[in-house]
Amino acid sequence: MTADDDPGRLVRVALGETGFERAAVWSAVGFAVSYVAFDAAALVGAIAGVTPAASAGSIPPSGVGAPVAAVLAVLTAVGTVAFAAVGAGALPAVLLAYGPLAAALLRAIGPTPYAIDLTGPRSFAVTVAEPLGVALAAAVAVGLAGYAIGGVVGDGDGGESEPAAAASTADGTADPSD
């Protein structure tokens, strides 16, 4: 049986060796950190005098959004590649990318943060549906590309490139227990 004939290969590609738990946790952490990164960048910029101080109508200031979103997208892509390189599948890679990208797009193109009008003509669901939909599409693109690149960068078996039967001791001789 060759690797292409393996019936479980599709499942390993989709799910990988690394579980969804790690991807779900890092996706949630990535969402939280990415969401407040805009406020942190605005605060640091205001303290340094680079950007104007945030006002009630502009949280964060308009000059902060695009650079912070770009940095977060790059960090998300690099993290997804690294995650896939250690054995994650395509679906966990997409899940991992979704959290930070959703937060970045909510802050960059979404409604005004911390001031969403729930009684207006547009409901809360409609207001956030567009950025979250774009984030899902971006997460699929970044996750699948990260999986593909991670498969090339990593050897696909979690860094174990040497078979267990060929293991050696610290001095380079063959392990007699094999």
N, C-alpha and C. Protein backbone atom coordinates (compact mmCIF):
# COMPACT_ATOMS: atom_id res chain seq x y z
N MET A 1 0.85 -1.17 0.00
CA MET A 1 0.00 0.00 0.00
C MET A 1 0.90 1.24 0.00
N THR A 2 0.69 2.13 -0.93
CA THR A 2 1.47 3.36 -0.98
C THR A 2 0.79 4.44 -0.15
N ALA A 3 1.49 5.54 0.02
CA ALA A 3 0.94 6.64 0.80
C ALA A 3 -0.32 7.22 0.16
N ASP A 4 -0.39 7.15 -1.17
CA ASP A 4 -1.56 7.68 -1.87
C ASP A 4 -2.77 6.77 -1.73
N ASP A 5 -2.55 5.47 -1.47
CA ASP A 5 -3.64 4.52 -1.31
C ASP A 5 -4.18 4.46 0.11
N ASP A 6 -3.53 5.13 1.04
CA ASP A 6 -3.91 5.08 2.45
C ASP A 6 -5.27 5.73 2.64
N PRO A 7 -6.28 4.97 3.12
CA PRO A 7 -7.62 5.55 3.28
C PRO A 7 -7.70 6.61 4.38
N GLY A 8 -6.81 6.57 5.35
CA GLY A 8 -6.82 7.55 6.42
C GLY A 8 -6.05 8.81 6.11
N ARG A 9 -5.48 8.90 4.91
CA ARG A 9 -4.67 10.07 4.55
C ARG A 9 -5.49 11.35 4.51
N LEU A 10 -6.68 11.29 3.97
CA LEU A 10 -7.54 12.48 3.90
C LEU A 10 -7.88 12.98 5.29
N VAL A 11 -8.13 12.06 6.21
CA VAL A 11 -8.44 12.44 7.58
C VAL A 11 -7.23 13.11 8.23
N ARG A 12 -6.01 12.56 7.98
CA ARG A 12 -4.80 13.17 8.55
C ARG A 12 -4.52 14.54 7.93
N VAL A 13 -4.83 14.71 6.66
CA VAL A 13 -4.65 16.02 6.03
C VAL A 13 -5.62 17.02 6.63
N ALA A 14 -6.87 16.61 6.80
CA ALA A 14 -7.88 17.52 7.33
C ALA A 14 -7.67 17.82 8.80
N LEU A 15 -7.39 16.79 9.60
CA LEU A 15 -7.30 16.97 11.05
C LEU A 15 -5.88 17.09 11.57
N GLY A 16 -4.94 16.44 10.92
CA GLY A 16 -3.55 16.50 11.34
C GLY A 16 -3.31 15.67 12.59
N GLU A 17 -2.10 15.78 13.08
CA GLU A 17 -1.71 15.05 14.28
C GLU A 17 -1.95 15.89 15.54
N THR A 18 -2.01 17.21 15.39
CA THR A 18 -2.20 18.12 16.50
C THR A 18 -3.69 18.41 16.62
N GLY A 19 -4.23 18.32 17.80
CA GLY A 19 -5.67 18.42 18.01
C GLY A 19 -6.24 19.81 17.84
N PHE A 20 -7.56 19.82 17.78
CA PHE A 20 -8.31 21.06 17.67
C PHE A 20 -8.24 21.89 18.95
N GLU A 21 -7.95 21.24 20.07
CA GLU A 21 -7.95 21.96 21.34
C GLU A 21 -6.95 23.11 21.32
N ARG A 22 -5.75 22.82 20.87
CA ARG A 22 -4.71 23.85 20.83
C ARG A 22 -5.09 24.96 19.85
N ALA A 23 -5.64 24.58 18.71
CA ALA A 23 -6.06 25.57 17.73
C ALA A 23 -7.19 26.45 18.27
N ALA A 24 -8.15 25.85 18.97
CA ALA A 24 -9.27 26.61 19.52
C ALA A 24 -8.81 27.58 20.59
N VAL A 25 -7.92 27.13 21.46
CA VAL A 25 -7.42 28.01 22.52
C VAL A 25 -6.63 29.17 21.93
N TRP A 26 -5.73 28.88 21.00
CA TRP A 26 -4.93 29.95 20.42
C TRP A 26 -5.76 30.87 19.52
N SER A 27 -6.82 30.35 18.95
CA SER A 27 -7.72 31.20 18.18
C SER A 27 -8.42 32.20 19.09
N ALA A 28 -8.90 31.73 20.23
CA ALA A 28 -9.57 32.61 21.19
C ALA A 28 -8.59 33.63 21.78
N VAL A 29 -7.41 33.17 22.14
CA VAL A 29 -6.39 34.09 22.67
C VAL A 29 -5.99 35.10 21.60
N GLY A 30 -5.83 34.61 20.37
CA GLY A 30 -5.49 35.50 19.27
C GLY A 30 -6.55 36.55 19.02
N PHE A 31 -7.83 36.16 19.16
CA PHE A 31 -8.92 37.13 19.00
C PHE A 31 -8.80 38.23 20.05
N ALA A 32 -8.64 37.83 21.30
CA ALA A 32 -8.59 38.81 22.40
C ALA A 32 -7.39 39.73 22.26
N VAL A 33 -6.24 39.17 22.01
CA VAL A 33 -5.03 40.00 21.90
C VAL A 33 -5.10 40.91 20.67
N SER A 34 -5.59 40.38 19.57
CA SER A 34 -5.69 41.18 18.36
C SER A 34 -6.71 42.31 18.52
N TYR A 35 -7.80 42.05 19.22
CA TYR A 35 -8.82 43.07 19.39
C TYR A 35 -8.30 44.26 20.19
N VAL A 36 -7.55 43.98 21.25
CA VAL A 36 -7.03 45.08 22.07
C VAL A 36 -5.72 45.65 21.53
N ALA A 37 -5.12 45.00 20.54
CA ALA A 37 -3.88 45.52 19.96
C ALA A 37 -4.11 46.89 19.33
N PHE A 38 -5.28 47.11 18.79
CA PHE A 38 -5.58 48.41 18.19
C PHE A 38 -5.59 49.50 19.25
N ASP A 39 -6.20 49.21 20.39
CA ASP A 39 -6.22 50.18 21.48
C ASP A 39 -4.82 50.42 22.03
N ALA A 40 -4.04 49.35 22.15
CA ALA A 40 -2.67 49.48 22.66
C ALA A 40 -1.82 50.30 21.70
N ALA A 41 -1.96 50.06 20.42
CA ALA A 41 -1.19 50.83 19.43
C ALA A 41 -1.60 52.30 19.45
N ALA A 42 -2.89 52.56 19.59
CA ALA A 42 -3.36 53.94 19.66
C ALA A 42 -2.83 54.63 20.92
N LEU A 43 -2.82 53.91 22.03
CA LEU A 43 -2.32 54.48 23.28
C LEU A 43 -0.83 54.77 23.20
N VAL A 44 -0.07 53.82 22.69
CA VAL A 44 1.38 54.03 22.55
C VAL A 44 1.66 55.16 21.57
N GLY A 45 0.90 55.21 20.48
CA GLY A 45 1.08 56.29 19.51
C GLY A 45 0.73 57.65 20.09
N ALA A 46 -0.31 57.70 20.92
CA ALA A 46 -0.71 58.97 21.55
C ALA A 46 0.33 59.41 22.57
N ILE A 47 0.86 58.46 23.34
CA ILE A 47 1.89 58.80 24.33
C ILE A 47 3.16 59.29 23.64
N ALA A 48 3.51 58.64 22.54
CA ALA A 48 4.72 59.02 21.80
C ALA A 48 4.50 60.28 20.95
N GLY A 49 3.25 60.69 20.81
CA GLY A 49 2.96 61.88 20.01
C GLY A 49 2.90 61.62 18.52
N VAL A 50 2.87 60.35 18.13
CA VAL A 50 2.84 59.99 16.72
C VAL A 50 1.44 60.08 16.15
N THR A 51 0.44 59.63 16.93
CA THR A 51 -0.94 59.67 16.49
C THR A 51 -1.74 60.57 17.43
N PRO A 52 -2.84 61.12 16.94
CA PRO A 52 -3.65 61.94 17.84
C PRO A 52 -4.31 61.07 18.90
N ALA A 53 -4.59 61.66 20.03
CA ALA A 53 -5.27 60.92 21.11
C ALA A 53 -6.65 60.50 20.66
N ALA A 54 -7.09 59.36 21.11
CA ALA A 54 -8.40 58.84 20.73
C ALA A 54 -9.50 59.71 21.31
N SER A 55 -10.52 59.92 20.52
CA SER A 55 -11.69 60.64 21.00
C SER A 55 -12.86 59.66 20.99
N ALA A 56 -14.00 60.10 21.48
CA ALA A 56 -15.15 59.20 21.59
C ALA A 56 -15.61 58.71 20.22
N GLY A 57 -15.45 59.51 19.18
CA GLY A 57 -15.89 59.11 17.85
C GLY A 57 -14.85 58.35 17.06
N SER A 58 -13.66 58.25 17.57
CA SER A 58 -12.58 57.62 16.83
C SER A 58 -11.77 56.71 17.74
N ILE A 59 -12.25 55.51 17.93
CA ILE A 59 -11.54 54.54 18.78
C ILE A 59 -11.20 53.35 17.92
N PRO A 60 -9.99 53.09 17.62
CA PRO A 60 -8.78 53.87 17.74
C PRO A 60 -8.71 54.93 16.66
N PRO A 61 -7.74 55.83 16.70
CA PRO A 61 -7.60 56.83 15.65
C PRO A 61 -7.44 56.17 14.28
N SER A 62 -7.90 56.83 13.26
CA SER A 62 -7.93 56.23 11.93
C SER A 62 -6.55 55.86 11.40
N GLY A 63 -5.49 56.51 11.81
CA GLY A 63 -4.16 56.19 11.31
C GLY A 63 -3.57 54.92 11.86
N VAL A 64 -4.20 54.30 12.84
CA VAL A 64 -3.65 53.12 13.49
C VAL A 64 -4.19 51.83 12.87
N GLY A 65 -5.39 51.84 12.35
CA GLY A 65 -6.06 50.62 11.92
C GLY A 65 -5.34 49.78 10.89
N ALA A 66 -4.98 50.35 9.76
CA ALA A 66 -4.38 49.57 8.68
C ALA A 66 -3.02 48.98 9.05
N PRO A 67 -2.10 49.75 9.65
CA PRO A 67 -0.81 49.13 10.00
C PRO A 67 -0.94 48.01 11.03
N VAL A 68 -1.79 48.19 12.02
CA VAL A 68 -1.97 47.16 13.04
C VAL A 68 -2.61 45.92 12.41
N ALA A 69 -3.60 46.10 11.56
CA ALA A 69 -4.24 44.96 10.89
C ALA A 69 -3.23 44.21 10.02
N ALA A 70 -2.36 44.93 9.33
CA ALA A 70 -1.36 44.28 8.49
C ALA A 70 -0.37 43.47 9.33
N VAL A 71 0.09 44.04 10.44
CA VAL A 71 1.01 43.32 11.32
C VAL A 71 0.34 42.07 11.89
N LEU A 72 -0.91 42.20 12.30
CA LEU A 72 -1.63 41.05 12.85
C LEU A 72 -1.84 39.97 11.80
N ALA A 73 -2.10 40.35 10.55
CA ALA A 73 -2.28 39.37 9.48
C ALA A 73 -0.98 38.61 9.21
N VAL A 74 0.14 39.33 9.21
CA VAL A 74 1.43 38.68 8.99
C VAL A 74 1.75 37.73 10.14
N LEU A 75 1.55 38.18 11.38
CA LEU A 75 1.81 37.32 12.53
C LEU A 75 0.91 36.08 12.52
N THR A 76 -0.33 36.25 12.10
CA THR A 76 -1.25 35.12 12.01
C THR A 76 -0.78 34.13 10.96
N ALA A 77 -0.33 34.62 9.81
CA ALA A 77 0.15 33.73 8.75
C ALA A 77 1.39 32.97 9.19
N VAL A 78 2.32 33.64 9.85
CA VAL A 78 3.54 32.98 10.33
C VAL A 78 3.19 31.93 11.39
N GLY A 79 2.29 32.27 12.30
CA GLY A 79 1.87 31.33 13.33
C GLY A 79 1.16 30.12 12.74
N THR A 80 0.38 30.32 11.71
CA THR A 80 -0.33 29.22 11.06
C THR A 80 0.65 28.28 10.37
N VAL A 81 1.64 28.84 9.71
CA VAL A 81 2.67 28.02 9.07
C VAL A 81 3.43 27.20 10.12
N ALA A 82 3.79 27.84 11.21
CA ALA A 82 4.51 27.12 12.28
C ALA A 82 3.64 26.03 12.89
N PHE A 83 2.37 26.31 13.07
CA PHE A 83 1.45 25.34 13.63
C PHE A 83 1.31 24.13 12.69
N ALA A 84 1.20 24.40 11.39
CA ALA A 84 1.08 23.31 10.42
C ALA A 84 2.38 22.52 10.31
N ALA A 85 3.50 23.18 10.51
CA ALA A 85 4.79 22.50 10.39
C ALA A 85 5.01 21.46 11.48
N VAL A 86 4.32 21.57 12.60
CA VAL A 86 4.48 20.60 13.68
C VAL A 86 3.36 19.56 13.70
N GLY A 87 2.62 19.45 12.61
CA GLY A 87 1.67 18.36 12.49
C GLY A 87 0.21 18.73 12.52
N ALA A 88 -0.14 19.99 12.48
CA ALA A 88 -1.56 20.37 12.45
C ALA A 88 -2.13 20.10 11.07
N GLY A 89 -3.40 19.81 11.02
CA GLY A 89 -4.08 19.59 9.77
C GLY A 89 -4.62 20.90 9.20
N ALA A 90 -5.30 20.78 8.08
CA ALA A 90 -5.83 21.96 7.41
C ALA A 90 -6.94 22.63 8.21
N LEU A 91 -7.84 21.86 8.79
CA LEU A 91 -8.95 22.45 9.55
C LEU A 91 -8.48 23.13 10.84
N PRO A 92 -7.58 22.53 11.63
CA PRO A 92 -7.07 23.27 12.79
C PRO A 92 -6.31 24.53 12.39
N ALA A 93 -5.62 24.50 11.25
CA ALA A 93 -4.90 25.70 10.80
C ALA A 93 -5.88 26.82 10.46
N VAL A 94 -7.00 26.46 9.83
CA VAL A 94 -8.03 27.47 9.53
C VAL A 94 -8.63 28.02 10.83
N LEU A 95 -8.91 27.12 11.78
CA LEU A 95 -9.46 27.55 13.06
C LEU A 95 -8.50 28.48 13.79
N LEU A 96 -7.22 28.14 13.78
CA LEU A 96 -6.21 28.98 14.43
C LEU A 96 -6.17 30.38 13.81
N ALA A 97 -6.26 30.46 12.50
CA ALA A 97 -6.17 31.76 11.81
C ALA A 97 -7.44 32.60 12.00
N TYR A 98 -8.58 31.95 12.23
CA TYR A 98 -9.84 32.70 12.27
C TYR A 98 -9.90 33.73 13.40
N GLY A 99 -9.49 33.37 14.60
CA GLY A 99 -9.62 34.26 15.75
C GLY A 99 -8.93 35.61 15.56
N PRO A 100 -7.63 35.61 15.30
CA PRO A 100 -6.95 36.90 15.13
C PRO A 100 -7.43 37.68 13.91
N LEU A 101 -7.74 36.97 12.82
CA LEU A 101 -8.21 37.67 11.63
C LEU A 101 -9.60 38.27 11.85
N ALA A 102 -10.45 37.56 12.59
CA ALA A 102 -11.78 38.10 12.89
C ALA A 102 -11.68 39.37 13.71
N ALA A 103 -10.83 39.36 14.72
CA ALA A 103 -10.66 40.55 15.55
C ALA A 103 -10.08 41.71 14.75
N ALA A 104 -9.09 41.42 13.94
CA ALA A 104 -8.47 42.49 13.14
C ALA A 104 -9.47 43.09 12.16
N LEU A 105 -10.27 42.25 11.52
CA LEU A 105 -11.25 42.79 10.58
C LEU A 105 -12.41 43.47 11.28
N LEU A 106 -12.80 42.98 12.45
CA LEU A 106 -13.84 43.69 13.20
C LEU A 106 -13.38 45.10 13.56
N ARG A 107 -12.12 45.22 13.95
CA ARG A 107 -11.60 46.54 14.32
C ARG A 107 -11.29 47.40 13.11
N ALA A 108 -10.84 46.79 12.01
CA ALA A 108 -10.44 47.57 10.83
C ALA A 108 -11.63 48.00 9.98
N ILE A 109 -12.60 47.09 9.73
CA ILE A 109 -13.71 47.43 8.84
C ILE A 109 -15.07 47.30 9.51
N GLY A 110 -15.08 46.82 10.73
CA GLY A 110 -16.34 46.56 11.43
C GLY A 110 -16.95 47.81 12.03
N PRO A 111 -17.92 47.60 12.86
CA PRO A 111 -18.58 48.74 13.51
C PRO A 111 -17.65 49.42 14.50
N THR A 112 -18.02 50.61 14.92
CA THR A 112 -17.24 51.33 15.92
C THR A 112 -17.19 50.48 17.18
N PRO A 113 -15.98 50.16 17.63
CA PRO A 113 -15.89 49.28 18.80
C PRO A 113 -16.45 49.94 20.05
N TYR A 114 -17.00 49.13 20.88
CA TYR A 114 -17.53 49.53 22.18
C TYR A 114 -18.73 50.46 22.07
N ALA A 115 -19.27 50.69 20.87
CA ALA A 115 -20.41 51.60 20.72
C ALA A 115 -21.34 51.12 19.61
N ILE A 116 -21.76 49.87 19.66
CA ILE A 116 -22.65 49.32 18.63
C ILE A 116 -24.09 49.63 19.03
N ASP A 117 -24.79 50.26 18.11
CA ASP A 117 -26.19 50.61 18.35
C ASP A 117 -27.06 49.39 18.06
N LEU A 118 -27.66 48.84 19.10
CA LEU A 118 -28.48 47.64 18.95
C LEU A 118 -29.91 47.97 18.56
N THR A 119 -30.29 49.23 18.60
CA THR A 119 -31.67 49.61 18.29
C THR A 119 -31.81 50.26 16.94
N GLY A 120 -30.73 50.49 16.24
CA GLY A 120 -30.78 51.18 14.96
C GLY A 120 -31.34 50.30 13.85
N PRO A 121 -31.31 50.83 12.61
CA PRO A 121 -31.88 50.08 11.49
C PRO A 121 -31.10 48.80 11.17
N ARG A 122 -29.84 48.79 11.50
CA ARG A 122 -29.03 47.59 11.30
C ARG A 122 -28.87 46.88 12.63
N SER A 123 -29.22 45.63 12.68
CA SER A 123 -29.09 44.89 13.93
C SER A 123 -27.63 44.55 14.19
N PHE A 124 -27.37 44.09 15.37
CA PHE A 124 -26.01 43.71 15.77
C PHE A 124 -25.49 42.61 14.84
N ALA A 125 -26.32 41.63 14.53
CA ALA A 125 -25.89 40.51 13.69
C ALA A 125 -25.50 40.99 12.29
N VAL A 126 -26.28 41.89 11.73
CA VAL A 126 -25.97 42.41 10.40
C VAL A 126 -24.71 43.27 10.45
N THR A 127 -24.53 43.99 11.52
CA THR A 127 -23.37 44.88 11.65
C THR A 127 -22.07 44.10 11.70
N VAL A 128 -22.05 42.98 12.37
CA VAL A 128 -20.80 42.23 12.50
C VAL A 128 -20.69 41.09 11.49
N ALA A 129 -21.75 40.80 10.74
CA ALA A 129 -21.72 39.68 9.80
C ALA A 129 -20.71 39.91 8.68
N GLU A 130 -20.63 41.11 8.16
CA GLU A 130 -19.72 41.38 7.06
C GLU A 130 -18.26 41.18 7.46
N PRO A 131 -17.78 41.81 8.54
CA PRO A 131 -16.37 41.58 8.90
C PRO A 131 -16.08 40.13 9.27
N LEU A 132 -17.02 39.45 9.92
CA LEU A 132 -16.78 38.07 10.30
C LEU A 132 -16.82 37.14 9.09
N GLY A 133 -17.63 37.46 8.11
CA GLY A 133 -17.65 36.68 6.87
C GLY A 133 -16.35 36.84 6.09
N VAL A 134 -15.88 38.07 6.01
CA VAL A 134 -14.59 38.32 5.35
C VAL A 134 -13.48 37.63 6.14
N ALA A 135 -13.57 37.63 7.46
CA ALA A 135 -12.56 36.97 8.28
C ALA A 135 -12.57 35.46 8.05
N LEU A 136 -13.73 34.88 7.86
CA LEU A 136 -13.81 33.45 7.59
C LEU A 136 -13.13 33.13 6.26
N ALA A 137 -13.43 33.93 5.25
CA ALA A 137 -12.78 33.72 3.95
C ALA A 137 -11.27 33.89 4.05
N ALA A 138 -10.83 34.90 4.78
CA ALA A 138 -9.39 35.12 4.97
C ALA A 138 -8.77 33.99 5.77
N ALA A 139 -9.47 33.48 6.77
CA ALA A 139 -8.94 32.38 7.58
C ALA A 139 -8.80 31.11 6.76
N VAL A 140 -9.75 30.86 5.89
CA VAL A 140 -9.64 29.69 5.01
C VAL A 140 -8.43 29.85 4.09
N ALA A 141 -8.26 31.02 3.52
CA ALA A 141 -7.12 31.25 2.63
C ALA A 141 -5.79 31.15 3.38
N VAL A 142 -5.70 31.83 4.51
CA VAL A 142 -4.45 31.81 5.29
C VAL A 142 -4.21 30.42 5.87
N GLY A 143 -5.25 29.78 6.38
CA GLY A 143 -5.10 28.46 6.97
C GLY A 143 -4.66 27.41 5.97
N LEU A 144 -5.27 27.39 4.79
CA LEU A 144 -4.87 26.41 3.79
C LEU A 144 -3.49 26.71 3.22
N ALA A 145 -3.20 27.98 3.00
CA ALA A 145 -1.84 28.32 2.54
C ALA A 145 -0.82 28.01 3.62
N GLY A 146 -1.15 28.31 4.86
CA GLY A 146 -0.24 27.99 5.96
C GLY A 146 -0.03 26.50 6.09
N TYR A 147 -1.09 25.71 5.88
CA TYR A 147 -0.96 24.26 5.93
C TYR A 147 -0.04 23.77 4.82
N ALA A 148 -0.23 24.31 3.62
CA ALA A 148 0.60 23.89 2.49
C ALA A 148 2.07 24.26 2.70
N ILE A 149 2.31 25.48 3.15
CA ILE A 149 3.68 25.92 3.38
C ILE A 149 4.27 25.19 4.58
N GLY A 150 3.48 25.00 5.63
CA GLY A 150 3.94 24.28 6.80
C GLY A 150 4.29 22.84 6.49
N GLY A 151 3.58 22.23 5.55
CA GLY A 151 3.90 20.88 5.13
C GLY A 151 5.23 20.80 4.41
N VAL A 152 5.59 21.88 3.71
CA VAL A 152 6.87 21.93 3.02
C VAL A 152 7.99 22.25 4.01
N VAL A 153 7.75 23.21 4.89
CA VAL A 153 8.76 23.62 5.87
C VAL A 153 9.03 22.50 6.86
N GLY A 154 7.96 21.98 7.45
CA GLY A 154 8.09 20.84 8.37
C GLY A 154 8.07 19.58 7.55
N ASP A 155 8.46 18.49 8.14
CA ASP A 155 8.46 17.25 7.38
C ASP A 155 7.16 16.48 7.53
N GLY A 156 6.17 17.08 8.19
CA GLY A 156 4.85 16.50 8.27
C GLY A 156 4.66 15.49 9.38
N ASP A 157 5.75 15.11 10.06
CA ASP A 157 5.60 14.13 11.13
C ASP A 157 6.05 14.69 12.46
N GLY A 158 5.85 15.98 12.65
CA GLY A 158 6.15 16.61 13.93
C GLY A 158 7.63 16.75 14.23
N GLY A 159 8.46 16.78 13.19
CA GLY A 159 9.89 16.98 13.40
C GLY A 159 10.66 15.68 13.56
N GLU A 160 9.99 14.54 13.52
CA GLU A 160 10.65 13.25 13.66
C GLU A 160 11.06 12.77 12.27
N SER A 161 12.21 13.22 11.77
CA SER A 161 12.63 12.83 10.44
C SER A 161 13.40 11.52 10.43
N GLU A 162 13.86 11.06 11.58
CA GLU A 162 14.62 9.83 11.67
C GLU A 162 13.71 8.74 12.22
N PRO A 163 13.65 7.57 11.54
CA PRO A 163 12.80 6.50 12.05
C PRO A 163 13.30 6.02 13.41
N ALA A 164 12.38 5.51 14.21
CA ALA A 164 12.73 5.07 15.54
C ALA A 164 13.73 3.92 15.52
N ALA A 165 13.69 3.07 14.49
CA ALA A 165 14.60 1.93 14.42
C ALA A 165 16.04 2.37 14.18
N ALA A 166 16.25 3.56 13.64
CA ALA A 166 17.60 4.03 13.35
C ALA A 166 18.10 4.98 14.42
N ALA A 167 17.49 4.97 15.59
CA ALA A 167 17.89 5.86 16.67
C ALA A 167 19.30 5.51 17.14
N SER A 168 20.02 6.51 17.60
CA SER A 168 21.38 6.27 18.08
C SER A 168 21.55 6.88 19.45
N THR A 169 22.62 6.50 20.11
CA THR A 169 22.92 7.05 21.42
C THR A 169 23.63 8.37 21.27
N ALA A 170 23.95 9.02 22.38
CA ALA A 170 24.59 10.34 22.35
C ALA A 170 25.95 10.32 21.68
N ASP A 171 26.69 9.19 21.74
CA ASP A 171 28.03 9.15 21.13
C ASP A 171 28.01 8.76 19.67
N GLY A 172 26.81 8.56 19.08
CA GLY A 172 26.69 8.31 17.65
C GLY A 172 26.62 6.84 17.30
N THR A 173 26.76 5.95 18.24
CA THR A 173 26.68 4.53 17.95
C THR A 173 25.21 4.10 17.97
N ALA A 174 24.95 2.97 17.34
CA ALA A 174 23.58 2.47 17.28
C ALA A 174 23.11 2.07 18.67
N ASP A 175 21.84 2.32 18.94
CA ASP A 175 21.26 1.97 20.24
C ASP A 175 21.08 0.46 20.30
N PRO A 176 21.71 -0.23 21.27
CA PRO A 176 21.61 -1.68 21.32
C PRO A 176 20.21 -2.19 21.68
N SER A 177 19.36 -1.35 22.20
CA SER A 177 18.02 -1.81 22.57
C SER A 177 17.11 -1.97 21.37
N ASP A 178 17.51 -1.46 20.21
CA ASP A 178 16.66 -1.57 19.01
C ASP A 178 16.73 -2.91 18.40
